[in-house]
Amino acid sequence: MNTTADARTTWDGIYAARPAATDPRPNVRLTEAVAELPPGDALELGCGEGGDTLWLARRGWRVTAVDLSAVAVERLNALARSHGLADRVTAEQHDLGASFPEAPEAPDGPEASEAPESTDGTNGTNGRFDLVTAHYLHTPFDLDRSAVLRRAAHALRPGGRLLVVDHGSTAPWSWNQDPDVRFPSPQEVAEGLALDPAGWTVERADAPRRTATGPDGTTAEVTDHVLCVRRVRHADGRA
């Protein structure tokens, strides 16, 4: 039992069991990494309750937020409307192993739509996102995460950044309490993306620690694995 339907049912159940958030907090790794960037078009993979999406939208970003859970997506769209951010937030349900969100059309037309089909499923596009974020995109269900993140890197405009934040330790409230679980380093995640170094550069790959607060209010020191990759060239090689 490890199908997309199983995954949707599981994550819908997790979110439905929680009270709907009214003003969810953003992840600290997002706020520290993005606070000084000029706003543009952002994509959040695995938006959950939407704290990151709302934080970005309040700062002028136009955000496409995706999650496998219909409950999470419906709640985030409603929350964006209630906060007066509906014009900057589009939340969509996606199984990232099967579909990928469309980027908003560039102001001067669909410049990337004529790029040739590539062998890795990225369509060779120049991308239309200035930022793609994936915070704690872990799941017990089958997902080729490297392929998803590789596609996300190709969805960037030149100068755009892919920010991947993973668990680097097990918190007391984590759903996976396997003592033998291994957390790949940011360098390993970057290597798994197999990106051409002529087109992408790693700006950050480290493992900072912080004090985190769990759903029940308890706190614990945890490690985050942080990777930030910047696209430096177009698909056709132009800087």
C-alpha atoms as a PDB file:
ATOM      1  CA  MET A   1       0.000   0.000   0.000  1.00  0.00           C
ATOM      2  CA  ASN A   2       2.103   2.885  -1.272  1.00  0.00           C
ATOM      3  CA  THR A   3       0.064   4.610  -3.974  1.00  0.00           C
ATOM      4  CA  THR A   4      -0.684   8.242  -4.676  1.00  0.00           C
ATOM      5  CA  ALA A   5      -4.221   7.660  -3.404  1.00  0.00           C
ATOM      6  CA  ASP A   6      -2.799   6.313  -0.145  1.00  0.00           C
ATOM      7  CA  ALA A   7      -0.552   9.348   0.176  1.00  0.00           C
ATOM      8  CA  ARG A   8      -3.406  11.787  -0.479  1.00  0.00           C
ATOM      9  CA  THR A   9      -5.602  10.037   2.078  1.00  0.00           C
ATOM     10  CA  THR A  10      -2.819  10.078   4.666  1.00  0.00           C
ATOM     11  CA  TRP A  11      -1.908  13.746   4.267  1.00  0.00           C
ATOM     12  CA  ASP A  12      -5.550  14.833   4.049  1.00  0.00           C
ATOM     13  CA  GLY A  13      -6.126  13.014   7.324  1.00  0.00           C
ATOM     14  CA  ILE A  14      -3.134  14.687   8.972  1.00  0.00           C
ATOM     15  CA  TYR A  15      -4.296  18.188   8.035  1.00  0.00           C
ATOM     16  CA  ALA A  16      -7.978  17.529   8.697  1.00  0.00           C
ATOM     17  CA  ALA A  17      -7.108  16.360  12.219  1.00  0.00           C
ATOM     18  CA  ARG A  18      -5.568  19.754  13.007  1.00  0.00           C
ATOM     19  CA  PRO A  19      -7.502  22.957  13.594  1.00  0.00           C
ATOM     20  CA  ALA A  20      -7.160  25.234  10.573  1.00  0.00           C
ATOM     21  CA  ALA A  21      -4.351  27.736  11.148  1.00  0.00           C
ATOM     22  CA  THR A  22      -5.341  31.403  11.106  1.00  0.00           C
ATOM     23  CA  ASP A  23      -1.861  32.914  10.765  1.00  0.00           C
ATOM     24  CA  PRO A  24       0.739  30.142  10.336  1.00  0.00           C
ATOM     25  CA  ARG A  25       4.381  30.962  11.011  1.00  0.00           C
ATOM     26  CA  PRO A  26       6.974  30.950   8.221  1.00  0.00           C
ATOM     27  CA  ASN A  27      10.017  28.717   8.446  1.00  0.00           C
ATOM     28  CA  VAL A  28      13.011  30.543   9.889  1.00  0.00           C
ATOM     29  CA  ARG A  29      15.327  29.269   7.141  1.00  0.00           C
ATOM     30  CA  LEU A  30      13.097  30.927   4.560  1.00  0.00           C
ATOM     31  CA  THR A  31      12.974  34.277   6.326  1.00  0.00           C
ATOM     32  CA  GLU A  32      16.749  34.419   6.815  1.00  0.00           C
ATOM     33  CA  ALA A  33      17.524  33.400   3.230  1.00  0.00           C
ATOM     34  CA  VAL A  34      14.933  35.463   1.367  1.00  0.00           C
ATOM     35  CA  ALA A  35      14.411  38.636   3.433  1.00  0.00           C
ATOM     36  CA  GLU A  36      16.845  40.694   1.354  1.00  0.00           C
ATOM     37  CA  LEU A  37      15.791  39.400  -2.075  1.00  0.00           C
ATOM     38  CA  PRO A  38      13.621  41.551  -4.348  1.00  0.00           C
ATOM     39  CA  PRO A  39      10.131  40.056  -4.812  1.00  0.00           C
ATOM     40  CA  GLY A  40       9.206  38.194  -7.965  1.00  0.00           C
ATOM     41  CA  ASP A  41       7.533  34.903  -8.868  1.00  0.00           C
ATOM     42  CA  ALA A  42       7.889  32.125  -6.294  1.00  0.00           C
ATOM     43  CA  LEU A  43       6.932  28.469  -6.172  1.00  0.00           C
ATOM     44  CA  GLU A  44       6.518  26.569  -2.906  1.00  0.00           C
ATOM     45  CA  LEU A  45       6.662  22.772  -3.079  1.00  0.00           C
ATOM     46  CA  GLY A  46       4.760  21.150  -0.210  1.00  0.00           C
ATOM     47  CA  CYS A  47       3.070  24.269   1.150  1.00  0.00           C
ATOM     48  CA  GLY A  48       1.304  22.610   4.093  1.00  0.00           C
ATOM     49  CA  GLU A  49      -0.478  25.181   6.235  1.00  0.00           C
ATOM     50  CA  GLY A  50       0.941  28.026   4.142  1.00  0.00           C
ATOM     51  CA  GLY A  51       3.083  30.039   6.535  1.00  0.00           C
ATOM     52  CA  ASP A  52       5.874  30.457   3.977  1.00  0.00           C
ATOM     53  CA  THR A  53       3.483  31.310   1.155  1.00  0.00           C
ATOM     54  CA  LEU A  54       1.730  34.029   3.155  1.00  0.00           C
ATOM     55  CA  TRP A  55       5.039  35.486   4.370  1.00  0.00           C
ATOM     56  CA  LEU A  56       6.278  35.746   0.800  1.00  0.00           C
ATOM     57  CA  ALA A  57       3.006  37.216  -0.477  1.00  0.00           C
ATOM     58  CA  ARG A  58       3.033  39.895   2.215  1.00  0.00           C
ATOM     59  CA  ARG A  59       6.433  40.962   0.917  1.00  0.00           C
ATOM     60  CA  GLY A  60       5.232  41.369  -2.640  1.00  0.00           C
ATOM     61  CA  TRP A  61       5.997  37.932  -4.089  1.00  0.00           C
ATOM     62  CA  ARG A  62       3.501  36.288  -6.428  1.00  0.00           C
ATOM     63  CA  VAL A  63       3.349  32.730  -5.103  1.00  0.00           C
ATOM     64  CA  THR A  64       2.249  29.441  -6.620  1.00  0.00           C
ATOM     65  CA  ALA A  65       1.899  26.991  -3.713  1.00  0.00           C
ATOM     66  CA  VAL A  66       1.399  23.256  -4.206  1.00  0.00           C
ATOM     67  CA  ASP A  67       0.639  20.315  -1.963  1.00  0.00           C
ATOM     68  CA  LEU A  68      -0.614  16.767  -2.387  1.00  0.00           C
ATOM     69  CA  SER A  69      -3.313  17.366   0.219  1.00  0.00           C
ATOM     70  CA  ALA A  70      -6.563  18.909  -1.020  1.00  0.00           C
ATOM     71  CA  VAL A  71      -7.325  19.911   2.567  1.00  0.00           C
ATOM     72  CA  ALA A  72      -4.097  21.930   2.795  1.00  0.00           C
ATOM     73  CA  VAL A  73      -4.674  23.572  -0.594  1.00  0.00           C
ATOM     74  CA  GLU A  74      -8.291  24.535   0.129  1.00  0.00           C
ATOM     75  CA  ARG A  75      -7.354  25.961   3.520  1.00  0.00           C
ATOM     76  CA  LEU A  76      -4.494  28.016   2.082  1.00  0.00           C
ATOM     77  CA  ASN A  77      -6.628  29.521  -0.677  1.00  0.00           C
ATOM     78  CA  ALA A  78      -9.233  30.469   1.939  1.00  0.00           C
ATOM     79  CA  LEU A  79      -6.553  31.881   4.225  1.00  0.00           C
ATOM     80  CA  ALA A  80      -5.076  33.979   1.411  1.00  0.00           C
ATOM     81  CA  ARG A  81      -8.517  35.441   0.729  1.00  0.00           C
ATOM     82  CA  SER A  82      -9.071  36.225   4.406  1.00  0.00           C
ATOM     83  CA  HIS A  83      -5.723  38.040   4.613  1.00  0.00           C
ATOM     84  CA  GLY A  84      -6.349  40.034   1.432  1.00  0.00           C
ATOM     85  CA  LEU A  85      -3.626  38.162  -0.466  1.00  0.00           C
ATOM     86  CA  ALA A  86      -5.713  36.241  -3.006  1.00  0.00           C
ATOM     87  CA  ASP A  87      -4.246  38.269  -5.887  1.00  0.00           C
ATOM     88  CA  ARG A  88      -0.740  37.072  -4.953  1.00  0.00           C
ATOM     89  CA  VAL A  89      -1.405  33.450  -3.969  1.00  0.00           C
ATOM     90  CA  THR A  90      -2.467  30.495  -6.091  1.00  0.00           C
ATOM     91  CA  ALA A  91      -2.610  27.178  -4.233  1.00  0.00           C
ATOM     92  CA  GLU A  92      -2.891  24.007  -6.328  1.00  0.00           C
ATOM     93  CA  GLN A  93      -3.070  20.286  -5.629  1.00  0.00           C
ATOM     94  CA  HIS A  94      -0.261  18.318  -7.289  1.00  0.00           C
ATOM     95  CA  ASP A  95       1.287  14.899  -7.058  1.00  0.00           C
ATOM     96  CA  LEU A  96       4.804  16.103  -7.821  1.00  0.00           C
ATOM     97  CA  GLY A  97       5.783  12.661  -9.028  1.00  0.00           C
ATOM     98  CA  ALA A  98       3.235  12.980 -11.836  1.00  0.00           C
ATOM     99  CA  SER A  99       2.669  16.704 -12.489  1.00  0.00           C
ATOM    100  CA  PHE A 100       4.471  19.981 -11.975  1.00  0.00           C
ATOM    101  CA  PRO A 101       2.873  23.410 -11.551  1.00  0.00           C
ATOM    102  CA  GLU A 102       2.846  25.817 -14.457  1.00  0.00           C
ATOM    103  CA  ALA A 103       4.803  28.984 -13.988  1.00  0.00           C
ATOM    104  CA  PRO A 104       2.917  32.264 -14.398  1.00  0.00           C
ATOM    105  CA  GLU A 105       3.243  33.667 -17.896  1.00  0.00           C
ATOM    106  CA  ALA A 106       6.036  36.150 -18.329  1.00  0.00           C
ATOM    107  CA  PRO A 107       4.838  39.770 -18.700  1.00  0.00           C
ATOM    108  CA  ASP A 108       5.984  39.905 -22.328  1.00  0.00           C
ATOM    109  CA  GLY A 109       4.568  36.547 -23.422  1.00  0.00           C
ATOM    110  CA  PRO A 110       5.254  32.818 -23.294  1.00  0.00           C
ATOM    111  CA  GLU A 111       9.005  33.042 -23.998  1.00  0.00           C
ATOM    112  CA  ALA A 112       9.825  29.572 -22.645  1.00  0.00           C
ATOM    113  CA  SER A 113       7.049  27.610 -24.292  1.00  0.00           C
ATOM    114  CA  GLU A 114       8.990  26.923 -27.512  1.00  0.00           C
ATOM    115  CA  ALA A 115      12.016  25.332 -25.808  1.00  0.00           C
ATOM    116  CA  PRO A 116      12.813  21.828 -27.084  1.00  0.00           C
ATOM    117  CA  GLU A 117      11.817  18.712 -25.168  1.00  0.00           C
ATOM    118  CA  SER A 118      14.683  17.352 -23.053  1.00  0.00           C
ATOM    119  CA  THR A 119      15.386  13.820 -21.902  1.00  0.00           C
ATOM    120  CA  ASP A 120      15.029  14.632 -18.198  1.00  0.00           C
ATOM    121  CA  GLY A 121      11.446  15.934 -18.344  1.00  0.00           C
ATOM    122  CA  THR A 122      12.430  19.575 -17.849  1.00  0.00           C
ATOM    123  CA  ASN A 123      11.510  20.613 -21.432  1.00  0.00           C
ATOM    124  CA  GLY A 124      14.760  22.592 -21.622  1.00  0.00           C
ATOM    125  CA  THR A 125      12.946  25.729 -20.447  1.00  0.00           C
ATOM    126  CA  ASN A 126      14.577  28.906 -19.242  1.00  0.00           C
ATOM    127  CA  GLY A 127      12.100  28.984 -16.367  1.00  0.00           C
ATOM    128  CA  ARG A 128       9.858  31.696 -15.004  1.00  0.00           C
ATOM    129  CA  PHE A 129      10.319  31.474 -11.240  1.00  0.00           C
ATOM    130  CA  ASP A 130      12.685  33.694  -9.287  1.00  0.00           C
ATOM    131  CA  LEU A 131      12.477  31.446  -6.239  1.00  0.00           C
ATOM    132  CA  VAL A 132      11.505  27.834  -5.611  1.00  0.00           C
ATOM    133  CA  THR A 133      11.338  26.620  -2.024  1.00  0.00           C
ATOM    134  CA  ALA A 134      11.024  23.108  -0.656  1.00  0.00           C
ATOM    135  CA  HIS A 135      10.972  22.893   3.123  1.00  0.00           C
ATOM    136  CA  TYR A 136      10.992  19.426   4.696  1.00  0.00           C
ATOM    137  CA  LEU A 137       9.728  17.749   1.527  1.00  0.00           C
ATOM    138  CA  HIS A 138       9.962  14.296   3.085  1.00  0.00           C
ATOM    139  CA  THR A 139       7.358  11.560   2.738  1.00  0.00           C
ATOM    140  CA  PRO A 140       7.026   7.876   3.657  1.00  0.00           C
ATOM    141  CA  PHE A 141       5.488   7.316   0.219  1.00  0.00           C
ATOM    142  CA  ASP A 142       7.271   6.747  -3.085  1.00  0.00           C
ATOM    143  CA  LEU A 143       8.600   9.976  -4.606  1.00  0.00           C
ATOM    144  CA  ASP A 144      11.635  10.559  -6.805  1.00  0.00           C
ATOM    145  CA  ARG A 145      12.578  13.676  -4.890  1.00  0.00           C
ATOM    146  CA  SER A 146      15.785  14.299  -6.830  1.00  0.00           C
ATOM    147  CA  ALA A 147      13.800  14.377 -10.070  1.00  0.00           C
ATOM    148  CA  VAL A 148      11.296  16.825  -8.558  1.00  0.00           C
ATOM    149  CA  LEU A 149      14.035  19.146  -7.299  1.00  0.00           C
ATOM    150  CA  ARG A 150      15.913  18.903 -10.589  1.00  0.00           C
ATOM    151  CA  ARG A 151      12.775  19.982 -12.406  1.00  0.00           C
ATOM    152  CA  ALA A 152      12.395  22.815  -9.887  1.00  0.00           C
ATOM    153  CA  ALA A 153      15.934  23.996 -10.661  1.00  0.00           C
ATOM    154  CA  HIS A 154      15.073  24.070 -14.372  1.00  0.00           C
ATOM    155  CA  ALA A 155      11.949  26.101 -13.560  1.00  0.00           C
ATOM    156  CA  LEU A 156      14.126  29.012 -12.403  1.00  0.00           C
ATOM    157  CA  ARG A 157      14.867  32.141 -14.348  1.00  0.00           C
ATOM    158  CA  PRO A 158      18.572  33.012 -14.598  1.00  0.00           C
ATOM    159  CA  GLY A 159      19.425  34.558 -11.233  1.00  0.00           C
ATOM    160  CA  GLY A 160      16.648  32.597  -9.522  1.00  0.00           C
ATOM    161  CA  ARG A 161      17.248  30.419  -6.476  1.00  0.00           C
ATOM    162  CA  LEU A 162      16.191  26.964  -5.355  1.00  0.00           C
ATOM    163  CA  LEU A 163      16.083  26.751  -1.547  1.00  0.00           C
ATOM    164  CA  VAL A 164      15.884  23.220  -0.136  1.00  0.00           C
ATOM    165  CA  VAL A 165      15.646  22.778   3.636  1.00  0.00           C
ATOM    166  CA  ASP A 166      15.648  19.236   4.993  1.00  0.00           C
ATOM    167  CA  HIS A 167      15.616  17.634   8.393  1.00  0.00           C
ATOM    168  CA  GLY A 168      19.108  16.887   9.641  1.00  0.00           C
ATOM    169  CA  SER A 169      17.983  15.297  12.901  1.00  0.00           C
ATOM    170  CA  THR A 170      14.912  13.657  14.427  1.00  0.00           C
ATOM    171  CA  ALA A 171      12.713  15.858  16.606  1.00  0.00           C
ATOM    172  CA  PRO A 172      10.639  14.256  19.390  1.00  0.00           C
ATOM    173  CA  TRP A 173       7.456  14.959  17.385  1.00  0.00           C
ATOM    174  CA  SER A 174       8.733  13.711  14.000  1.00  0.00           C
ATOM    175  CA  TRP A 175       6.563  11.095  12.291  1.00  0.00           C
ATOM    176  CA  ASN A 176       9.689   9.062  11.532  1.00  0.00           C
ATOM    177  CA  GLN A 177      11.287   7.928  14.782  1.00  0.00           C
ATOM    178  CA  ASP A 178      13.498   5.262  13.197  1.00  0.00           C
ATOM    179  CA  PRO A 179      16.798   5.459  15.138  1.00  0.00           C
ATOM    180  CA  ASP A 180      18.674   4.255  12.048  1.00  0.00           C
ATOM    181  CA  VAL A 181      17.299   6.886   9.689  1.00  0.00           C
ATOM    182  CA  ARG A 182      20.008   8.681   7.703  1.00  0.00           C
ATOM    183  CA  PHE A 183      19.813  12.324   6.721  1.00  0.00           C
ATOM    184  CA  PRO A 184      21.638  13.075   3.440  1.00  0.00           C
ATOM    185  CA  SER A 185      23.889  16.116   3.660  1.00  0.00           C
ATOM    186  CA  PRO A 186      23.158  19.238   1.587  1.00  0.00           C
ATOM    187  CA  GLN A 187      26.178  18.367  -0.556  1.00  0.00           C
ATOM    188  CA  GLU A 188      24.711  14.922  -1.269  1.00  0.00           C
ATOM    189  CA  VAL A 189      21.358  16.463  -2.190  1.00  0.00           C
ATOM    190  CA  ALA A 190      23.127  18.849  -4.576  1.00  0.00           C
ATOM    191  CA  GLU A 191      25.039  15.986  -6.186  1.00  0.00           C
ATOM    192  CA  GLY A 192      21.784  14.064  -6.627  1.00  0.00           C
ATOM    193  CA  LEU A 193      20.343  16.906  -8.716  1.00  0.00           C
ATOM    194  CA  ALA A 194      23.053  16.352 -11.339  1.00  0.00           C
ATOM    195  CA  LEU A 195      22.880  19.977 -12.503  1.00  0.00           C
ATOM    196  CA  ASP A 196      25.334  21.346 -15.044  1.00  0.00           C
ATOM    197  CA  PRO A 197      27.767  23.563 -13.063  1.00  0.00           C
ATOM    198  CA  ALA A 198      27.868  25.915 -16.041  1.00  0.00           C
ATOM    199  CA  GLY A 199      24.191  26.685 -15.464  1.00  0.00           C
ATOM    200  CA  TRP A 200      23.759  26.423 -11.697  1.00  0.00           C
ATOM    201  CA  THR A 201      25.957  27.222  -8.716  1.00  0.00           C
ATOM    202  CA  VAL A 202      25.653  26.174  -5.068  1.00  0.00           C
ATOM    203  CA  GLU A 203      25.474  29.311  -2.917  1.00  0.00           C
ATOM    204  CA  ARG A 204      24.911  27.601   0.412  1.00  0.00           C
ATOM    205  CA  ALA A 205      25.226  24.068   1.777  1.00  0.00           C
ATOM    206  CA  ASP A 206      25.372  23.834   5.553  1.00  0.00           C
ATOM    207  CA  ALA A 207      23.755  22.311   8.658  1.00  0.00           C
ATOM    208  CA  PRO A 208      22.736  25.000  11.176  1.00  0.00           C
ATOM    209  CA  ARG A 209      21.060  24.140  14.484  1.00  0.00           C
ATOM    210  CA  ARG A 210      18.084  25.873  16.080  1.00  0.00           C
ATOM    211  CA  THR A 211      15.522  25.473  18.849  1.00  0.00           C
ATOM    212  CA  ALA A 212      12.247  24.275  17.332  1.00  0.00           C
ATOM    213  CA  THR A 213       8.741  24.141  18.776  1.00  0.00           C
ATOM    214  CA  GLY A 214       6.557  21.083  18.140  1.00  0.00           C
ATOM    215  CA  PRO A 215       2.791  20.936  17.584  1.00  0.00           C
ATOM    216  CA  ASP A 216       2.204  20.398  21.315  1.00  0.00           C
ATOM    217  CA  GLY A 217       4.373  23.360  22.338  1.00  0.00           C
ATOM    218  CA  THR A 218       7.410  21.353  23.430  1.00  0.00           C
ATOM    219  CA  THR A 219      10.842  22.519  22.281  1.00  0.00           C
ATOM    220  CA  ALA A 220      13.968  20.694  21.149  1.00  0.00           C
ATOM    221  CA  GLU A 221      17.245  21.508  19.439  1.00  0.00           C
ATOM    222  CA  VAL A 222      17.215  20.301  15.830  1.00  0.00           C
ATOM    223  CA  THR A 223      19.526  20.388  12.819  1.00  0.00           C
ATOM    224  CA  ASP A 224      18.468  21.680   9.424  1.00  0.00           C
ATOM    225  CA  HIS A 225      20.209  20.768   6.178  1.00  0.00           C
ATOM    226  CA  VAL A 226      20.140  23.865   3.984  1.00  0.00           C
ATOM    227  CA  LEU A 227      20.922  23.956   0.273  1.00  0.00           C
ATOM    228  CA  CYS A 228      20.603  27.044  -1.923  1.00  0.00           C
ATOM    229  CA  VAL A 229      21.285  26.729  -5.651  1.00  0.00           C
ATOM    230  CA  ARG A 230      21.260  29.716  -8.015  1.00  0.00           C
ATOM    231  CA  ARG A 231      20.683  29.483 -11.741  1.00  0.00           C
ATOM    232  CA  VAL A 232      23.288  31.494 -13.603  1.00  0.00           C
ATOM    233  CA  ARG A 233      22.550  30.816 -17.275  1.00  0.00           C
ATOM    234  CA  HIS A 234      19.690  30.324 -19.740  1.00  0.00           C
ATOM    235  CA  ALA A 235      19.026  26.908 -21.213  1.00  0.00           C
ATOM    236  CA  ASP A 236      20.693  28.107 -24.417  1.00  0.00           C
ATOM    237  CA  GLY A 237      23.855  29.071 -22.531  1.00  0.00           C
ATOM    238  CA  ARG A 238      23.326  32.830 -22.357  1.00  0.00           C
ATOM    239  CA  ALA A 239      24.238  34.485 -19.058  1.00  0.00           C
END
